[in-house]
Amino acid sequence: MQMTNRSSKLVKLVVLSLLATVSLILFFISFPLPMLPPYLKVDFSDIPALIAGLIFSPLAGIFVVFMKNVLYFAFSGATDPIGVIANFIAGTLFIFPVAYLYHRYKGVKSVISGLVIGTAGMAIIMSVLNYVIILPAYSWLIGMEMNNTIKWTSVIVGILPFNILKGIIVSMLFIPLFIKLKQWIEQKRVEVVG
């Protein structure tokens, strides 16, 4: 019994590590959206984290987001931890409701509800965090004064619409993927839990 438990934990760790690696690769494949600041880029790195969250638990999905950001920070030579932290928070806000609702209610409707809640939560909370903490931290880091008008404009014209559009784009890609993988995800859940 103890050997089976250890083996199950090892399989879970291997799967989460693989999903984090795929997430990192997808993180490097990004693109800006027209009419939004070019530093705001859409990527599909949250999809492996969503899969981890559905197979294992909401915390497993968050773990994949965390590992992606740690690996990105380590391998990209990023000198700015603010963007990495902001990406982790945004990913957590997006993934947690989807995984939580799926584990609670199962089915496509719970995933769609989670994606809607995750998109809205990410857009609103990241807008507030950018206004209050993230943009002031960036302005301090680069040594530039940022007044309330600049922060407000950045949030309303850039950050809020970007997070809404990113949530919609990732959701539109994930829903058909989930429908195709639903049986496989359920099978993996039974293998891991059982």
Protein backbone atom coordinates (compact mmCIF):
# COMPACT_ATOMS: atom_id res chain seq x y z
CA MET A 1 0.00 0.00 0.00
CA GLN A 2 2.81 2.42 0.92
CA MET A 3 4.69 1.57 -2.29
CA THR A 4 1.57 2.28 -4.38
CA ASN A 5 1.10 5.62 -2.60
CA ARG A 6 4.74 6.57 -3.28
CA SER A 7 4.41 5.48 -6.91
CA SER A 8 1.22 7.57 -7.29
CA LYS A 9 2.97 10.66 -5.88
CA LEU A 10 5.91 10.12 -8.23
CA VAL A 11 3.60 9.83 -11.25
CA LYS A 12 1.81 13.03 -10.18
CA LEU A 13 5.13 14.87 -9.79
CA VAL A 14 6.33 13.68 -13.23
CA VAL A 15 3.06 14.69 -14.92
CA LEU A 16 3.07 18.12 -13.24
CA SER A 17 6.72 18.64 -14.24
CA LEU A 18 5.93 17.76 -17.85
CA LEU A 19 2.92 20.08 -17.89
CA ALA A 20 5.05 22.89 -16.39
CA THR A 21 7.65 22.34 -19.13
CA VAL A 22 4.99 22.46 -21.87
CA SER A 23 3.59 25.57 -20.20
CA LEU A 24 7.04 27.21 -20.30
CA ILE A 25 7.43 26.43 -24.01
CA LEU A 26 3.98 27.88 -24.74
CA PHE A 27 4.90 30.94 -22.66
CA PHE A 28 7.66 31.77 -25.16
CA ILE A 29 5.17 31.60 -28.05
CA SER A 30 3.28 34.84 -27.55
CA PHE A 31 1.80 37.64 -29.61
CA PRO A 32 0.55 41.19 -28.97
CA LEU A 33 -3.03 42.22 -29.66
CA PRO A 34 -3.79 45.04 -32.10
CA MET A 35 -4.45 48.47 -30.56
CA LEU A 36 -3.05 47.42 -27.17
CA PRO A 37 0.42 48.12 -25.76
CA PRO A 38 2.94 45.72 -27.38
CA TYR A 39 4.36 44.61 -24.01
CA LEU A 40 1.01 42.93 -23.23
CA LYS A 41 1.18 39.59 -25.04
CA VAL A 42 -1.22 36.66 -25.24
CA ASP A 43 0.19 33.19 -24.76
CA PHE A 44 -1.36 29.78 -24.19
CA SER A 45 0.76 28.71 -21.22
CA ASP A 46 -2.29 28.52 -18.95
CA ILE A 47 -3.71 25.55 -20.90
CA PRO A 48 -1.35 22.91 -19.40
CA ALA A 49 -2.05 24.40 -15.96
CA LEU A 50 -5.80 24.11 -16.60
CA ILE A 51 -5.32 20.45 -17.55
CA ALA A 52 -3.31 19.85 -14.34
CA GLY A 53 -6.03 21.56 -12.33
CA LEU A 54 -8.73 19.38 -13.87
CA ILE A 55 -6.83 16.10 -13.49
CA PHE A 56 -5.44 16.63 -9.99
CA SER A 57 -6.69 19.70 -8.09
CA PRO A 58 -6.81 23.50 -8.23
CA LEU A 59 -3.52 23.58 -6.30
CA ALA A 60 -1.88 21.37 -8.94
CA GLY A 61 -2.88 23.89 -11.61
CA ILE A 62 -1.43 26.71 -9.52
CA PHE A 63 1.75 24.65 -9.02
CA VAL A 64 2.17 24.39 -12.82
CA VAL A 65 1.77 28.19 -13.15
CA PHE A 66 4.30 28.68 -10.35
CA MET A 67 6.84 26.30 -11.89
CA LYS A 68 6.42 27.90 -15.35
CA ASN A 69 7.22 31.31 -13.89
CA VAL A 70 10.18 30.03 -11.84
CA LEU A 71 11.60 28.27 -14.91
CA TYR A 72 10.99 31.35 -17.08
CA PHE A 73 12.75 33.58 -14.56
CA ALA A 74 15.69 31.16 -14.34
CA PHE A 75 16.12 30.41 -18.06
CA SER A 76 15.22 33.72 -19.70
CA GLY A 77 17.67 35.79 -17.70
CA ALA A 78 14.81 38.09 -16.72
CA THR A 79 16.00 40.86 -14.45
CA ASP A 80 12.52 42.01 -13.57
CA PRO A 81 10.63 39.84 -11.08
CA ILE A 82 7.56 42.11 -11.18
CA GLY A 83 6.28 40.75 -14.50
CA VAL A 84 6.87 37.16 -13.37
CA ILE A 85 4.93 37.74 -10.14
CA ALA A 86 2.12 39.49 -12.04
CA ASN A 87 1.91 36.56 -14.49
CA PHE A 88 1.72 34.08 -11.60
CA ILE A 89 -1.10 36.04 -9.93
CA ALA A 90 -3.03 36.39 -13.23
CA GLY A 91 -2.63 32.69 -14.00
CA THR A 92 -3.78 31.71 -10.50
CA LEU A 93 -6.84 33.96 -10.74
CA PHE A 94 -7.74 32.43 -14.12
CA ILE A 95 -7.12 28.75 -13.34
CA PHE A 96 -8.41 28.35 -9.79
CA PRO A 97 -12.15 28.92 -10.50
CA VAL A 98 -12.10 26.52 -13.46
CA ALA A 99 -10.44 23.68 -11.53
CA TYR A 100 -12.47 24.33 -8.37
CA LEU A 101 -15.85 24.32 -10.15
CA TYR A 102 -14.90 21.28 -12.22
CA HIS A 103 -13.98 19.25 -9.15
CA ARG A 104 -17.12 20.39 -7.41
CA TYR A 105 -19.70 19.93 -10.20
CA LYS A 106 -17.97 18.14 -13.13
CA GLY A 107 -18.90 18.66 -16.76
CA VAL A 108 -18.57 21.19 -19.53
CA LYS A 109 -20.92 23.74 -17.90
CA SER A 110 -18.73 23.93 -14.79
CA VAL A 111 -15.62 24.47 -16.94
CA ILE A 112 -17.34 27.23 -18.96
CA SER A 113 -18.60 28.88 -15.75
CA GLY A 114 -15.10 28.68 -14.30
CA LEU A 115 -13.60 30.24 -17.42
CA VAL A 116 -16.09 33.13 -17.29
CA ILE A 117 -15.46 33.69 -13.56
CA GLY A 118 -11.69 33.30 -14.06
CA THR A 119 -11.63 35.81 -16.92
CA ALA A 120 -13.71 38.36 -14.99
CA GLY A 121 -11.72 37.85 -11.79
CA MET A 122 -8.39 38.10 -13.59
CA ALA A 123 -9.45 41.25 -15.45
CA ILE A 124 -10.82 43.06 -12.39
CA ILE A 125 -8.28 42.00 -9.77
CA MET A 126 -5.29 42.49 -12.08
CA SER A 127 -6.58 45.98 -12.94
CA VAL A 128 -6.73 46.90 -9.25
CA LEU A 129 -3.35 45.30 -8.50
CA ASN A 130 -1.76 47.08 -11.46
CA TYR A 131 -3.11 50.44 -10.33
CA VAL A 132 -2.18 49.99 -6.67
CA ILE A 133 1.01 47.87 -6.71
CA ILE A 134 2.39 46.63 -10.06
CA LEU A 135 2.58 49.88 -12.07
CA PRO A 136 4.04 51.83 -9.10
CA ALA A 137 6.61 49.03 -8.65
CA TYR A 138 7.57 49.27 -12.35
CA SER A 139 7.86 53.05 -12.16
CA TRP A 140 10.09 52.71 -9.09
CA LEU A 141 12.20 50.05 -10.83
CA ILE A 142 12.86 52.18 -13.92
CA GLY A 143 13.10 55.41 -11.93
CA MET A 144 10.19 57.16 -13.62
CA GLU A 145 7.43 59.11 -11.92
CA MET A 146 3.96 57.77 -12.70
CA ASN A 147 0.98 59.90 -11.71
CA ASN A 148 -2.59 58.68 -11.18
CA THR A 149 -3.71 59.74 -14.66
CA ILE A 150 -1.02 57.62 -16.33
CA LYS A 151 -1.83 54.64 -14.09
CA TRP A 152 -5.57 55.01 -14.66
CA THR A 153 -5.12 55.29 -18.44
CA SER A 154 -2.77 52.27 -18.50
CA VAL A 155 -5.33 50.18 -16.64
CA ILE A 156 -8.45 51.27 -18.56
CA VAL A 157 -6.93 51.38 -22.05
CA GLY A 158 -4.41 48.52 -21.75
CA ILE A 159 -4.56 46.12 -18.84
CA LEU A 160 -8.32 45.67 -18.39
CA PRO A 161 -9.16 45.03 -22.08
CA PHE A 162 -6.04 42.88 -22.47
CA ASN A 163 -6.98 40.54 -19.62
CA ILE A 164 -10.57 40.27 -20.86
CA LEU A 165 -9.41 39.46 -24.40
CA LYS A 166 -6.73 37.04 -23.19
CA GLY A 167 -9.29 35.21 -21.05
CA ILE A 168 -11.70 34.99 -23.99
CA ILE A 169 -9.04 33.80 -26.46
CA VAL A 170 -7.64 31.13 -24.10
CA SER A 171 -11.19 30.05 -23.18
CA MET A 172 -12.25 29.75 -26.83
CA LEU A 173 -9.26 27.49 -27.43
CA PHE A 174 -9.64 25.49 -24.22
CA ILE A 175 -13.37 24.66 -24.42
CA PRO A 176 -13.17 22.52 -27.60
CA LEU A 177 -9.88 21.02 -26.32
CA PHE A 178 -11.57 20.10 -23.04
CA ILE A 179 -14.54 18.54 -24.86
CA LYS A 180 -12.09 16.39 -26.88
CA LEU A 181 -10.02 15.49 -23.78
CA LYS A 182 -12.88 15.13 -21.26
CA GLN A 183 -12.91 11.33 -21.31
CA TRP A 184 -9.09 11.18 -21.08
CA ILE A 185 -9.06 13.68 -18.18
CA GLU A 186 -11.68 11.62 -16.31
CA GLN A 187 -9.68 8.45 -16.93
CA LYS A 188 -6.48 10.08 -15.60
CA ARG A 189 -8.37 11.37 -12.55
CA VAL A 190 -9.58 7.81 -11.79
CA GLU A 191 -6.03 6.45 -12.22
CA VAL A 192 -4.50 9.12 -9.96
CA VAL A 193 -7.20 9.14 -7.27
CA GLY A 194 -8.01 5.42 -7.43
